C-alpha atoms as a PDB file:
ATOM      1  CA  MET A   1      52.140 -56.065  36.127  1.00  0.00           C
ATOM      2  CA  LYS A   2      55.120 -58.221  35.387  1.00  0.00           C
ATOM      3  CA  SER A   3      57.318 -57.327  32.440  1.00  0.00           C
ATOM      4  CA  PHE A   4      57.126 -59.321  29.238  1.00  0.00           C
ATOM      5  CA  HIS A   5      59.999 -61.685  29.957  1.00  0.00           C
ATOM      6  CA  HIS A   6      58.550 -62.620  33.339  1.00  0.00           C
ATOM      7  CA  LEU A   7      55.174 -63.321  31.763  1.00  0.00           C
ATOM      8  CA  LEU A   8      56.588 -65.620  29.114  1.00  0.00           C
ATOM      9  CA  ALA A   9      57.419 -69.066  30.446  1.00  0.00           C
ATOM     10  CA  VAL A  10      59.749 -70.365  27.741  1.00  0.00           C
ATOM     11  CA  CYS A  11      61.918 -73.324  26.935  1.00  0.00           C
ATOM     12  CA  ILE A  12      64.444 -73.808  24.132  1.00  0.00           C
ATOM     13  CA  LEU A  13      64.852 -77.383  22.925  1.00  0.00           C
ATOM     14  CA  PRO A  14      67.853 -79.119  21.302  1.00  0.00           C
ATOM     15  CA  VAL A  15      69.405 -79.831  17.912  1.00  0.00           C
ATOM     16  CA  LEU A  16      69.106 -78.373  14.447  1.00  0.00           C
ATOM     17  CA  LEU A  17      66.662 -78.842  11.588  1.00  0.00           C
ATOM     18  CA  ALA A  18      66.293 -82.521  10.720  1.00  0.00           C
ATOM     19  CA  ALA A  19      64.827 -84.174   7.641  1.00  0.00           C
ATOM     20  CA  CYS A  20      61.488 -85.955   7.837  1.00  0.00           C
ATOM     21  CA  VAL A  21      61.844 -89.512   9.129  1.00  0.00           C
ATOM     22  CA  ALA A  22      58.784 -91.763   9.323  1.00  0.00           C
ATOM     23  CA  GLY A  23      57.540 -92.055  12.887  1.00  0.00           C
ATOM     24  CA  GLN A  24      60.030 -89.468  14.186  1.00  0.00           C
ATOM     25  CA  PRO A  25      59.352 -85.823  15.041  1.00  0.00           C
ATOM     26  CA  ASP A  26      60.858 -83.176  12.801  1.00  0.00           C
ATOM     27  CA  LYS A  27      62.831 -80.381  14.403  1.00  0.00           C
ATOM     28  CA  LEU A  28      62.474 -76.751  13.399  1.00  0.00           C
ATOM     29  CA  ALA A  29      65.648 -74.789  14.118  1.00  0.00           C
ATOM     30  CA  VAL A  30      65.442 -71.739  16.360  1.00  0.00           C
ATOM     31  CA  ALA A  31      67.921 -69.016  17.182  1.00  0.00           C
ATOM     32  CA  THR A  32      70.525 -69.767  19.863  1.00  0.00           C
ATOM     33  CA  ASP A  33      70.899 -66.148  20.914  1.00  0.00           C
ATOM     34  CA  PRO A  34      67.494 -64.716  21.859  1.00  0.00           C
ATOM     35  CA  ASP A  35      67.784 -60.959  21.972  1.00  0.00           C
ATOM     36  CA  ASP A  36      67.665 -58.979  25.202  1.00  0.00           C
ATOM     37  CA  GLU A  37      64.634 -59.003  27.452  1.00  0.00           C
ATOM     38  CA  SER A  38      63.984 -55.273  27.360  1.00  0.00           C
ATOM     39  CA  GLY A  39      60.325 -55.523  26.316  1.00  0.00           C
ATOM     40  CA  ILE A  40      58.332 -56.366  23.238  1.00  0.00           C
ATOM     41  CA  GLY A  41      58.051 -52.944  21.616  1.00  0.00           C
ATOM     42  CA  GLY A  42      55.986 -53.267  18.424  1.00  0.00           C
ATOM     43  CA  THR A  43      54.747 -56.851  18.567  1.00  0.00           C
ATOM     44  CA  GLY A  44      52.084 -58.939  16.888  1.00  0.00           C
ATOM     45  CA  ILE A  45      50.215 -61.558  18.928  1.00  0.00           C
ATOM     46  CA  ILE A  46      48.047 -64.291  17.363  1.00  0.00           C
ATOM     47  CA  GLY A  47      46.357 -66.806  19.617  1.00  0.00           C
ATOM     48  CA  ALA A  48      43.377 -67.895  21.682  1.00  0.00           C
ATOM     49  CA  ILE A  49      42.382 -65.957  24.786  1.00  0.00           C
ATOM     50  CA  THR A  50      43.189 -68.024  27.875  1.00  0.00           C
ATOM     51  CA  GLY A  51      42.204 -65.641  30.655  1.00  0.00           C
ATOM     52  CA  PHE A  52      41.239 -62.193  31.798  1.00  0.00           C
ATOM     53  CA  GLY A  53      42.702 -59.351  33.811  1.00  0.00           C
ATOM     54  CA  SER A  54      42.638 -57.364  30.713  1.00  0.00           C
ATOM     55  CA  ILE A  55      43.150 -60.340  28.365  1.00  0.00           C
ATOM     56  CA  PHE A  56      45.840 -63.025  28.373  1.00  0.00           C
ATOM     57  CA  VAL A  57      47.090 -64.379  25.050  1.00  0.00           C
ATOM     58  CA  ASN A  58      50.186 -66.577  24.647  1.00  0.00           C
ATOM     59  CA  GLY A  59      51.255 -65.822  28.212  1.00  0.00           C
ATOM     60  CA  VAL A  60      51.109 -62.031  27.843  1.00  0.00           C
ATOM     61  CA  GLU A  61      48.666 -59.804  29.716  1.00  0.00           C
ATOM     62  CA  VAL A  62      47.445 -57.180  27.248  1.00  0.00           C
ATOM     63  CA  GLU A  63      45.780 -53.964  28.425  1.00  0.00           C
ATOM     64  CA  ILE A  64      42.799 -52.573  26.496  1.00  0.00           C
ATOM     65  CA  ASP A  65      41.547 -48.992  26.672  1.00  0.00           C
ATOM     66  CA  ASP A  66      39.421 -46.560  24.664  1.00  0.00           C
ATOM     67  CA  ARG A  67      42.296 -45.974  22.230  1.00  0.00           C
ATOM     68  CA  THR A  68      42.388 -49.633  21.194  1.00  0.00           C
ATOM     69  CA  GLN A  69      40.929 -50.173  17.734  1.00  0.00           C
ATOM     70  CA  LEU A  70      38.714 -53.238  17.533  1.00  0.00           C
ATOM     71  CA  PHE A  71      37.827 -55.290  14.451  1.00  0.00           C
ATOM     72  CA  ILE A  72      35.887 -58.503  13.967  1.00  0.00           C
ATOM     73  CA  ASP A  73      36.722 -60.347  10.742  1.00  0.00           C
ATOM     74  CA  GLU A  74      38.034 -57.096   9.212  1.00  0.00           C
ATOM     75  CA  GLN A  75      34.914 -55.137  10.160  1.00  0.00           C
ATOM     76  CA  PRO A  76      35.226 -52.266  12.670  1.00  0.00           C
ATOM     77  CA  ALA A  77      33.334 -52.928  15.890  1.00  0.00           C
ATOM     78  CA  ASP A  78      32.159 -50.322  18.389  1.00  0.00           C
ATOM     79  CA  ASN A  79      32.109 -52.617  21.386  1.00  0.00           C
ATOM     80  CA  THR A  80      32.118 -56.296  22.210  1.00  0.00           C
ATOM     81  CA  GLY A  81      32.902 -58.788  24.953  1.00  0.00           C
ATOM     82  CA  PHE A  82      35.703 -61.288  24.738  1.00  0.00           C
ATOM     83  CA  GLU A  83      35.268 -64.945  25.608  1.00  0.00           C
ATOM     84  CA  ARG A  84      37.794 -67.570  26.539  1.00  0.00           C
ATOM     85  CA  GLY A  85      38.734 -69.407  23.337  1.00  0.00           C
ATOM     86  CA  ASP A  86      38.273 -66.413  21.022  1.00  0.00           C
ATOM     87  CA  VAL A  87      41.184 -66.245  18.562  1.00  0.00           C
ATOM     88  CA  VAL A  88      42.564 -62.731  18.343  1.00  0.00           C
ATOM     89  CA  GLU A  89      45.226 -60.898  16.392  1.00  0.00           C
ATOM     90  CA  ILE A  90      46.757 -58.070  18.401  1.00  0.00           C
ATOM     91  CA  LEU A  91      49.092 -55.267  17.415  1.00  0.00           C
ATOM     92  CA  ALA A  92      50.715 -54.299  20.716  1.00  0.00           C
ATOM     93  CA  SER A  93      53.355 -52.014  22.158  1.00  0.00           C
ATOM     94  CA  GLU A  94      55.000 -51.883  25.556  1.00  0.00           C
ATOM     95  CA  GLN A  95      55.235 -48.729  27.616  1.00  0.00           C
ATOM     96  CA  ARG A  96      56.721 -48.650  31.123  1.00  0.00           C
ATOM     97  CA  GLY A  97      56.516 -52.408  31.396  1.00  0.00           C
ATOM     98  CA  ILE A  98      52.825 -52.587  30.407  1.00  0.00           C
ATOM     99  CA  THR A  99      51.685 -54.168  27.152  1.00  0.00           C
ATOM    100  CA  HIS A 100      49.010 -52.080  25.418  1.00  0.00           C
ATOM    101  CA  ALA A 101      46.814 -53.247  22.543  1.00  0.00           C
ATOM    102  CA  ARG A 102      46.786 -50.755  19.675  1.00  0.00           C
ATOM    103  CA  ARG A 103      44.542 -52.954  17.512  1.00  0.00           C
ATOM    104  CA  ILE A 104      42.685 -56.180  18.262  1.00  0.00           C
ATOM    105  CA  GLN A 105      40.998 -58.279  15.651  1.00  0.00           C
ATOM    106  CA  LEU A 106      38.784 -61.228  16.534  1.00  0.00           C
ATOM    107  CA  ARG A 107      38.716 -63.829  13.811  1.00  0.00           C
ATOM    108  CA  HIS A 108      36.779 -66.945  12.872  1.00  0.00           C
ATOM    109  CA  GLU A 109      37.879 -69.857  10.729  1.00  0.00           C
ATOM    110  CA  VAL A 110      34.367 -70.474   9.475  1.00  0.00           C
ATOM    111  CA  ILE A 111      30.825 -69.177   9.941  1.00  0.00           C
ATOM    112  CA  GLY A 112      28.032 -71.191   8.383  1.00  0.00           C
ATOM    113  CA  THR A 113      25.324 -73.805   8.760  1.00  0.00           C
ATOM    114  CA  ILE A 114      26.193 -77.274  10.082  1.00  0.00           C
ATOM    115  CA  ASP A 115      25.243 -80.016   7.612  1.00  0.00           C
ATOM    116  CA  ARG A 116      26.605 -83.065   9.455  1.00  0.00           C
ATOM    117  CA  VAL A 117      27.514 -84.070  13.011  1.00  0.00           C
ATOM    118  CA  ASP A 118      29.542 -87.218  13.661  1.00  0.00           C
ATOM    119  CA  GLY A 119      30.729 -87.784  17.210  1.00  0.00           C
ATOM    120  CA  SER A 120      33.352 -85.207  18.124  1.00  0.00           C
ATOM    121  CA  ARG A 121      33.372 -83.565  14.698  1.00  0.00           C
ATOM    122  CA  PHE A 122      30.982 -81.750  12.408  1.00  0.00           C
ATOM    123  CA  ASN A 123      30.972 -80.358   8.869  1.00  0.00           C
ATOM    124  CA  LEU A 124      30.038 -76.990   7.439  1.00  0.00           C
ATOM    125  CA  LEU A 125      31.065 -75.183   4.234  1.00  0.00           C
ATOM    126  CA  GLY A 126      33.215 -78.126   3.181  1.00  0.00           C
ATOM    127  CA  GLN A 127      35.274 -77.989   6.396  1.00  0.00           C
ATOM    128  CA  THR A 128      35.616 -80.514   9.213  1.00  0.00           C
ATOM    129  CA  VAL A 129      35.649 -79.124  12.745  1.00  0.00           C
ATOM    130  CA  LEU A 130      36.946 -81.084  15.749  1.00  0.00           C
ATOM    131  CA  TYR A 131      35.494 -80.034  19.092  1.00  0.00           C
ATOM    132  CA  THR A 132      35.451 -80.984  22.776  1.00  0.00           C
ATOM    133  CA  THR A 133      33.162 -80.142  25.674  1.00  0.00           C
ATOM    134  CA  GLN A 134      35.533 -77.267  26.491  1.00  0.00           C
ATOM    135  CA  THR A 135      34.251 -75.328  23.488  1.00  0.00           C
ATOM    136  CA  GLY A 136      30.975 -74.920  25.384  1.00  0.00           C
ATOM    137  CA  TYR A 137      28.600 -75.774  22.551  1.00  0.00           C
ATOM    138  CA  VAL A 138      26.787 -78.910  21.407  1.00  0.00           C
ATOM    139  CA  PRO A 139      26.435 -78.709  17.599  1.00  0.00           C
ATOM    140  CA  GLN A 140      23.231 -79.691  15.829  1.00  0.00           C
ATOM    141  CA  VAL A 141      22.543 -80.084  12.117  1.00  0.00           C
ATOM    142  CA  GLY A 142      20.972 -76.867  10.840  1.00  0.00           C
ATOM    143  CA  ASP A 143      22.659 -74.612  13.419  1.00  0.00           C
ATOM    144  CA  THR A 144      24.480 -71.549  12.069  1.00  0.00           C
ATOM    145  CA  VAL A 145      27.631 -71.148  14.129  1.00  0.00           C
ATOM    146  CA  GLN A 146      30.845 -69.156  14.453  1.00  0.00           C
ATOM    147  CA  VAL A 147      33.933 -71.315  14.863  1.00  0.00           C
ATOM    148  CA  SER A 148      37.211 -70.039  16.314  1.00  0.00           C
ATOM    149  CA  GLY A 149      40.262 -72.290  16.239  1.00  0.00           C
ATOM    150  CA  PHE A 150      43.346 -73.450  14.383  1.00  0.00           C
ATOM    151  CA  ARG A 151      43.898 -75.647  11.336  1.00  0.00           C
ATOM    152  CA  ASP A 152      46.273 -78.595  11.372  1.00  0.00           C
ATOM    153  CA  ALA A 153      48.361 -79.894   8.466  1.00  0.00           C
ATOM    154  CA  GLU A 154      45.380 -81.802   7.052  1.00  0.00           C
ATOM    155  CA  GLY A 155      43.125 -78.743   7.098  1.00  0.00           C
ATOM    156  CA  LEU A 156      41.023 -79.925  10.069  1.00  0.00           C
ATOM    157  CA  ILE A 157      39.853 -77.076  12.296  1.00  0.00           C
ATOM    158  CA  HIS A 158      40.541 -77.657  15.999  1.00  0.00           C
ATOM    159  CA  ALA A 159      37.872 -75.485  17.612  1.00  0.00           C
ATOM    160  CA  THR A 160      38.728 -73.323  20.621  1.00  0.00           C
ATOM    161  CA  ARG A 161      35.256 -71.744  20.740  1.00  0.00           C
ATOM    162  CA  ILE A 162      31.903 -72.353  19.018  1.00  0.00           C
ATOM    163  CA  ALA A 163      28.963 -69.975  19.317  1.00  0.00           C
ATOM    164  CA  PRO A 164      25.637 -69.439  17.545  1.00  0.00           C
ATOM    165  CA  ASP A 165      25.621 -66.839  14.775  1.00  0.00           C
ATOM    166  CA  LYS A 166      22.307 -65.000  14.943  1.00  0.00           C
ATOM    167  CA  GLN A 167      22.992 -63.074  11.734  1.00  0.00           C
ATOM    168  CA  LYS A 168      23.182 -66.292   9.673  1.00  0.00           C
ATOM    169  CA  ARG A 169      26.372 -65.167   7.918  1.00  0.00           C
ATOM    170  CA  THR A 170      28.653 -67.123   5.626  1.00  0.00           C
ATOM    171  CA  LEU A 171      32.414 -66.723   6.055  1.00  0.00           C
ATOM    172  CA  LEU A 172      35.370 -68.987   5.360  1.00  0.00           C
ATOM    173  CA  ARG A 173      39.068 -68.559   6.112  1.00  0.00           C
ATOM    174  CA  GLY A 174      41.641 -71.062   4.903  1.00  0.00           C
ATOM    175  CA  THR A 175      44.348 -72.100   2.487  1.00  0.00           C
ATOM    176  CA  VAL A 176      43.674 -72.399  -1.237  1.00  0.00           C
ATOM    177  CA  HIS A 177      44.628 -75.861  -2.527  1.00  0.00           C
ATOM    178  CA  LYS A 178      43.168 -75.869  -6.036  1.00  0.00           C
ATOM    179  CA  THR A 179      42.471 -73.085  -8.524  1.00  0.00           C
ATOM    180  CA  GLY A 180      40.766 -72.724 -11.883  1.00  0.00           C
ATOM    181  CA  ASN A 181      39.206 -70.106 -14.124  1.00  0.00           C
ATOM    182  CA  GLY A 182      36.924 -68.161 -11.798  1.00  0.00           C
ATOM    183  CA  TYR A 183      37.062 -70.555  -8.852  1.00  0.00           C
ATOM    184  CA  PHE A 184      39.240 -72.078  -6.145  1.00  0.00           C
ATOM    185  CA  TYR A 185      38.837 -74.567  -3.289  1.00  0.00           C
ATOM    186  CA  ILE A 186      39.279 -74.296   0.467  1.00  0.00           C
ATOM    187  CA  GLY A 187      38.990 -77.808   1.840  1.00  0.00           C
ATOM    188  CA  ARG A 188      36.052 -79.388   0.021  1.00  0.00           C
ATOM    189  CA  GLN A 189      34.332 -76.057  -0.575  1.00  0.00           C
ATOM    190  CA  LYS A 190      34.333 -74.595  -4.071  1.00  0.00           C
ATOM    191  CA  VAL A 191      34.471 -70.791  -4.098  1.00  0.00           C
ATOM    192  CA  THR A 192      33.461 -68.885  -7.239  1.00  0.00           C
ATOM    193  CA  VAL A 193      34.844 -65.394  -7.823  1.00  0.00           C
ATOM    194  CA  ARG A 194      34.380 -62.529 -10.244  1.00  0.00           C
ATOM    195  CA  ASN A 195      37.070 -60.888 -12.359  1.00  0.00           C
ATOM    196  CA  ASN A 196      39.382 -63.899 -11.841  1.00  0.00           C
ATOM    197  CA  PRO A 197      41.617 -62.332  -9.123  1.00  0.00           C
ATOM    198  CA  ASP A 198      45.206 -63.470  -8.762  1.00  0.00           C
ATOM    199  CA  ILE A 199      44.655 -66.265  -6.239  1.00  0.00           C
ATOM    200  CA  GLN A 200      47.321 -68.959  -6.094  1.00  0.00           C
ATOM    201  CA  THR A 201      47.553 -72.379  -4.493  1.00  0.00           C
ATOM    202  CA  GLY A 202      48.931 -71.929  -0.982  1.00  0.00           C
ATOM    203  CA  ASP A 203      47.418 -68.474  -0.430  1.00  0.00           C
ATOM    204  CA  THR A 204      45.497 -67.973   2.798  1.00  0.00           C
ATOM    205  CA  VAL A 205      42.262 -66.113   2.125  1.00  0.00           C
ATOM    206  CA  ARG A 206      39.101 -65.008   3.858  1.00  0.00           C
ATOM    207  CA  VAL A 207      35.849 -65.131   1.921  1.00  0.00           C
ATOM    208  CA  ARG A 208      32.405 -63.741   2.594  1.00  0.00           C
ATOM    209  CA  GLY A 209      29.570 -64.610   0.304  1.00  0.00           C
ATOM    210  CA  GLN A 210      26.434 -66.609  -0.369  1.00  0.00           C
ATOM    211  CA  LEU A 211      26.118 -70.376  -0.566  1.00  0.00           C
ATOM    212  CA  LEU A 212      24.328 -71.288  -3.810  1.00  0.00           C
ATOM    213  CA  GLY A 213      23.955 -75.042  -3.997  1.00  0.00           C
ATOM    214  CA  ASP A 214      27.452 -76.471  -3.568  1.00  0.00           C
ATOM    215  CA  ASN A 215      29.213 -73.232  -4.534  1.00  0.00           C
ATOM    216  CA  LEU A 216      30.184 -70.363  -2.268  1.00  0.00           C
ATOM    217  CA  LYS A 217      29.794 -67.223  -4.372  1.00  0.00           C
ATOM    218  CA  ALA A 218      32.293 -64.679  -3.050  1.00  0.00           C
ATOM    219  CA  SER A 219      31.145 -61.119  -2.432  1.00  0.00           C
ATOM    220  CA  ASN A 220      34.255 -60.100  -0.481  1.00  0.00           C
ATOM    221  CA  LEU A 221      37.730 -61.596  -0.642  1.00  0.00           C
ATOM    222  CA  THR A 222      40.843 -60.842   1.400  1.00  0.00           C
ATOM    223  CA  VAL A 223      44.304 -62.343   0.889  1.00  0.00           C
ATOM    224  CA  MET A 224      46.345 -62.673   4.098  1.00  0.00           C
ATOM    225  CA  ARG A 225      49.779 -61.131   3.912  1.00  0.00           C
ATOM    226  CA  SER A 226      52.814 -63.192   4.878  1.00  0.00           C
ATOM    227  CA  LEU A 227      54.195 -60.155   6.752  1.00  0.00           C
ATOM    228  CA  PRO A 228      51.351 -59.520   9.209  1.00  0.00           C
ATOM    229  CA  PHE A 229      50.777 -56.278  11.123  1.00  0.00           C
ATOM    230  CA  GLY A 230      52.910 -54.169   8.773  1.00  0.00           C
ATOM    231  CA  GLU A 231      56.575 -53.264   8.559  1.00  0.00           C
ATOM    232  CA  ASP A 232      57.044 -51.970  12.116  1.00  0.00           C
ATOM    233  CA  VAL A 233      56.554 -55.291  13.891  1.00  0.00           C
ATOM    234  CA  GLN A 234      59.803 -57.105  14.662  1.00  0.00           C
ATOM    235  CA  ARG A 235      58.429 -59.851  16.898  1.00  0.00           C
ATOM    236  CA  LEU A 236      55.449 -62.196  16.737  1.00  0.00           C
ATOM    237  CA  LEU A 237      53.929 -64.440  19.395  1.00  0.00           C
ATOM    238  CA  VAL A 238      51.923 -66.973  17.406  1.00  0.00           C
ATOM    239  CA  GLN A 239      49.759 -69.957  18.332  1.00  0.00           C
ATOM    240  CA  GLY A 240      49.006 -72.579  15.717  1.00  0.00           C
ATOM    241  CA  PHE A 241      50.069 -75.785  13.996  1.00  0.00           C
ATOM    242  CA  ILE A 242      53.492 -75.948  12.368  1.00  0.00           C
ATOM    243  CA  GLN A 243      52.967 -77.216   8.837  1.00  0.00           C
ATOM    244  CA  LYS A 244      55.316 -78.435   6.148  1.00  0.00           C
ATOM    245  CA  GLN A 245      55.166 -76.769   2.744  1.00  0.00           C
ATOM    246  CA  SER A 246      56.957 -77.529  -0.511  1.00  0.00           C
ATOM    247  CA  GLN A 247      59.564 -74.882   0.375  1.00  0.00           C
ATOM    248  CA  GLY A 248      59.721 -75.046   4.151  1.00  0.00           C
ATOM    249  CA  TYR A 249      57.367 -74.527   7.064  1.00  0.00           C
ATOM    250  CA  ARG A 250      54.721 -72.154   8.301  1.00  0.00           C
ATOM    251  CA  ILE A 251      52.627 -71.454  11.372  1.00  0.00           C
ATOM    252  CA  ASP A 252      49.211 -69.909  10.850  1.00  0.00           C
ATOM    253  CA  HIS A 253      49.757 -68.248   7.432  1.00  0.00           C
ATOM    254  CA  ILE A 254      53.300 -67.093   8.262  1.00  0.00           C
ATOM    255  CA  PRO A 255      56.277 -68.705   6.458  1.00  0.00           C
ATOM    256  CA  LEU A 256      59.077 -69.766   8.812  1.00  0.00           C
ATOM    257  CA  THR A 257      62.798 -69.646   8.080  1.00  0.00           C
ATOM    258  CA  PRO A 258      64.811 -72.025  10.318  1.00  0.00           C
ATOM    259  CA  ALA A 259      67.747 -70.414  12.078  1.00  0.00           C
ATOM    260  CA  GLY A 260      71.004 -71.472  10.419  1.00  0.00           C
ATOM    261  CA  ASN A 261      72.836 -72.323  13.653  1.00  0.00           C
ATOM    262  CA  GLY A 262      70.006 -72.803  16.111  1.00  0.00           C
ATOM    263  CA  THR A 263      68.593 -75.455  18.348  1.00  0.00           C
ATOM    264  CA  GLY A 264      65.395 -77.256  17.372  1.00  0.00           C
ATOM    265  CA  VAL A 265      61.710 -77.154  18.252  1.00  0.00           C
ATOM    266  CA  PRO A 266      60.551 -80.764  17.758  1.00  0.00           C
ATOM    267  CA  PHE A 267      57.168 -81.221  16.142  1.00  0.00           C
ATOM    268  CA  THR A 268      55.172 -83.558  13.964  1.00  0.00           C
ATOM    269  CA  THR A 269      52.809 -82.462  11.210  1.00  0.00           C
ATOM    270  CA  ARG A 270      50.240 -85.189  11.869  1.00  0.00           C
ATOM    271  CA  GLY A 271      48.098 -85.486  14.996  1.00  0.00           C
ATOM    272  CA  GLN A 272      50.022 -82.740  16.762  1.00  0.00           C
ATOM    273  CA  GLN A 273      48.735 -80.126  19.154  1.00  0.00           C
ATOM    274  CA  PRO A 274      49.056 -76.419  18.362  1.00  0.00           C
ATOM    275  CA  VAL A 275      52.176 -74.748  19.719  1.00  0.00           C
ATOM    276  CA  ARG A 276      53.029 -71.200  20.718  1.00  0.00           C
ATOM    277  CA  LEU A 277      56.152 -69.733  19.136  1.00  0.00           C
ATOM    278  CA  GLU A 278      57.998 -66.463  19.468  1.00  0.00           C
ATOM    279  CA  LEU A 279      59.240 -65.338  16.041  1.00  0.00           C
ATOM    280  CA  ARG A 280      61.679 -62.577  15.119  1.00  0.00           C
ATOM    281  CA  ARG A 281      61.975 -60.824  11.785  1.00  0.00           C
ATOM    282  CA  ASP A 282      65.423 -60.578  10.198  1.00  0.00           C
ATOM    283  CA  THR A 283      66.739 -57.953   7.787  1.00  0.00           C
ATOM    284  CA  ARG A 284      65.349 -59.909   4.816  1.00  0.00           C
ATOM    285  CA  ASN A 285      61.835 -59.892   6.316  1.00  0.00           C
ATOM    286  CA  HIS A 286      62.068 -63.596   7.148  1.00  0.00           C
ATOM    287  CA  TRP A 287      60.437 -64.861  10.345  1.00  0.00           C
ATOM    288  CA  ILE A 288      62.917 -66.839  12.485  1.00  0.00           C
ATOM    289  CA  PRO A 289      61.601 -69.120  15.280  1.00  0.00           C
ATOM    290  CA  ALA A 290      63.143 -67.853  18.518  1.00  0.00           C
ATOM    291  CA  ARG A 291      61.382 -69.541  21.428  1.00  0.00           C
ATOM    292  CA  LEU A 292      58.808 -72.160  22.221  1.00  0.00           C
ATOM    293  CA  ILE A 293      56.369 -70.678  24.748  1.00  0.00           C
ATOM    294  CA  SER A 294      55.489 -73.116  27.510  1.00  0.00           C
ATOM    295  CA  GLU A 295      51.888 -74.067  28.286  1.00  0.00           C
ATOM    296  CA  LYS A 296      52.720 -73.728  31.969  1.00  0.00           C
ATOM    297  CA  GLY A 297      51.598 -70.518  33.576  1.00  0.00           C
ATOM    298  CA  LEU A 298      49.097 -69.520  30.902  1.00  0.00           C
ATOM    299  CA  GLN A 299      46.336 -67.587  32.605  1.00  0.00           C
ATOM    300  CA  ARG A 300      42.793 -68.983  32.685  1.00  0.00           C
ATOM    301  CA  GLY A 301      39.595 -67.170  33.498  1.00  0.00           C
ATOM    302  CA  ASN A 302      35.926 -66.417  32.891  1.00  0.00           C
ATOM    303  CA  PRO A 303      34.543 -64.206  30.111  1.00  0.00           C
ATOM    304  CA  VAL A 304      34.178 -60.514  30.872  1.00  0.00           C
ATOM    305  CA  PRO A 305      32.618 -57.706  28.810  1.00  0.00           C
ATOM    306  CA  VAL A 306      35.044 -55.151  27.405  1.00  0.00           C
ATOM    307  CA  PRO A 307      33.645 -51.632  26.914  1.00  0.00           C
ATOM    308  CA  HIS A 308      34.878 -50.206  23.660  1.00  0.00           C
ATOM    309  CA  ASN A 309      34.633 -47.194  21.352  1.00  0.00           C
ATOM    310  CA  ALA A 310      36.598 -48.154  18.283  1.00  0.00           C
ATOM    311  CA  PRO A 311      37.029 -45.747  15.341  1.00  0.00           C
ATOM    312  CA  ARG A 312      35.691 -46.898  12.005  1.00  0.00           C
ATOM    313  CA  TRP A 313      38.381 -48.033   9.584  1.00  0.00           C
ATOM    314  CA  ARG A 314      37.631 -49.356   6.128  1.00  0.00           C
ATOM    315  CA  SER A 315      39.996 -51.151   3.788  1.00  0.00           C
ATOM    316  CA  PRO A 316      40.648 -49.908   0.262  1.00  0.00           C
ATOM    317  CA  ALA A 317      38.636 -51.729  -2.364  1.00  0.00           C
ATOM    318  CA  MET A 318      39.961 -54.659  -4.309  1.00  0.00           C
ATOM    319  CA  PRO A 319      38.464 -54.490  -7.825  1.00  0.00           C
ATOM    320  CA  GLY A 320      35.313 -56.576  -8.019  1.00  0.00           C
ATOM    321  CA  PHE A 321      35.109 -57.185  -4.269  1.00  0.00           C
ATOM    322  CA  PRO A 322      33.352 -54.623  -2.066  1.00  0.00           C
ATOM    323  CA  GLY A 323      35.402 -53.904   1.039  1.00  0.00           C
ATOM    324  CA  GLY A 324      38.499 -55.091  -0.743  1.00  0.00           C
ATOM    325  CA  MET A 325      41.926 -56.171   0.416  1.00  0.00           C
ATOM    326  CA  PRO A 326      43.204 -54.516   3.601  1.00  0.00           C
ATOM    327  CA  ARG A 327      46.671 -53.063   3.212  1.00  0.00           C
ATOM    328  CA  SER A 328      47.572 -50.914   6.194  1.00  0.00           C
ATOM    329  CA  PRO A 329      46.560 -52.930   9.286  1.00  0.00           C
ATOM    330  CA  GLY A 330      47.716 -56.238   7.810  1.00  0.00           C
ATOM    331  CA  MET A 331      45.492 -58.139  10.190  1.00  0.00           C
ATOM    332  CA  GLY A 332      43.093 -61.033   9.636  1.00  0.00           C
ATOM    333  CA  GLY A 333      39.760 -61.293  11.378  1.00  0.00           C
ATOM    334  CA  ARG A 334      36.168 -62.356  11.347  1.00  0.00           C
ATOM    335  CA  GLY A 335      32.909 -60.745  10.180  1.00  0.00           C
ATOM    336  CA  GLY A 336      31.503 -57.694  11.896  1.00  0.00           C
ATOM    337  CA  HIS A 337      28.699 -57.769  14.418  1.00  0.00           C
END
């Protein structure tokens, strides 16, 4: 297997962080001095599966064995099969030039019942999903589906995979944009909660619960940490939309700190395509964009089953929410099978 730096096809693009100009792309500054190419060590990987050998995500071939812990939306899973388009969060390490997955978590943006289909988009749980024929599913009103994908700056979910959900679950992952006493909103969906937990506008959360009329009554709530995968990870390979916030930028739910003397990754926050970035953590626990990972050379392939015997891990309880807020793995995910 090729080492990490041979697997990553990268390009670094010019000029430093620029202010927003109508009709012009912004530029997010990246470091000018990428560190050595000695391997990825403890690394977090967030992205859609593009191929199989083991699995390929963001240009890296990741090996899976019986020691790999597997989770689906925070729930331990004994065995599963991966499909192209599944969005995964991987805690990986490199040994002798081979990248091994220590933990893999499959995640969904939304699981629920479709209430409207309009051309190349459909609605469920107050969210709008954009899809193409590549997702491999033709949505119908009344279908209960699992949706994997990425959200853009307007909150639209760009689906990478859609599949039926036989268990008829209800799950929603997204950014809180409005809060009140005992409730908050993700997109157009109102979520009601017990014990009024400390949820703030801008938090990224995952909710399981029951849809009662127009309200999603939460039975389990998880807040995504801005420092994913724990303290040991120094590098992230992340796929997603770069979004502007009131105090900067983020990709996925991870705040970005532009490099002070770097070049720039040009992007727009409207109508853009998701990008793949390499991020590095500085001494202040800030994530610095280091490289833009090229689309060229990403591996493609057919789905294969992955035999698995994952140990059961359960998160400590958050008061009022069974299953609680995970602390140690620091990984997002989707509901268990």
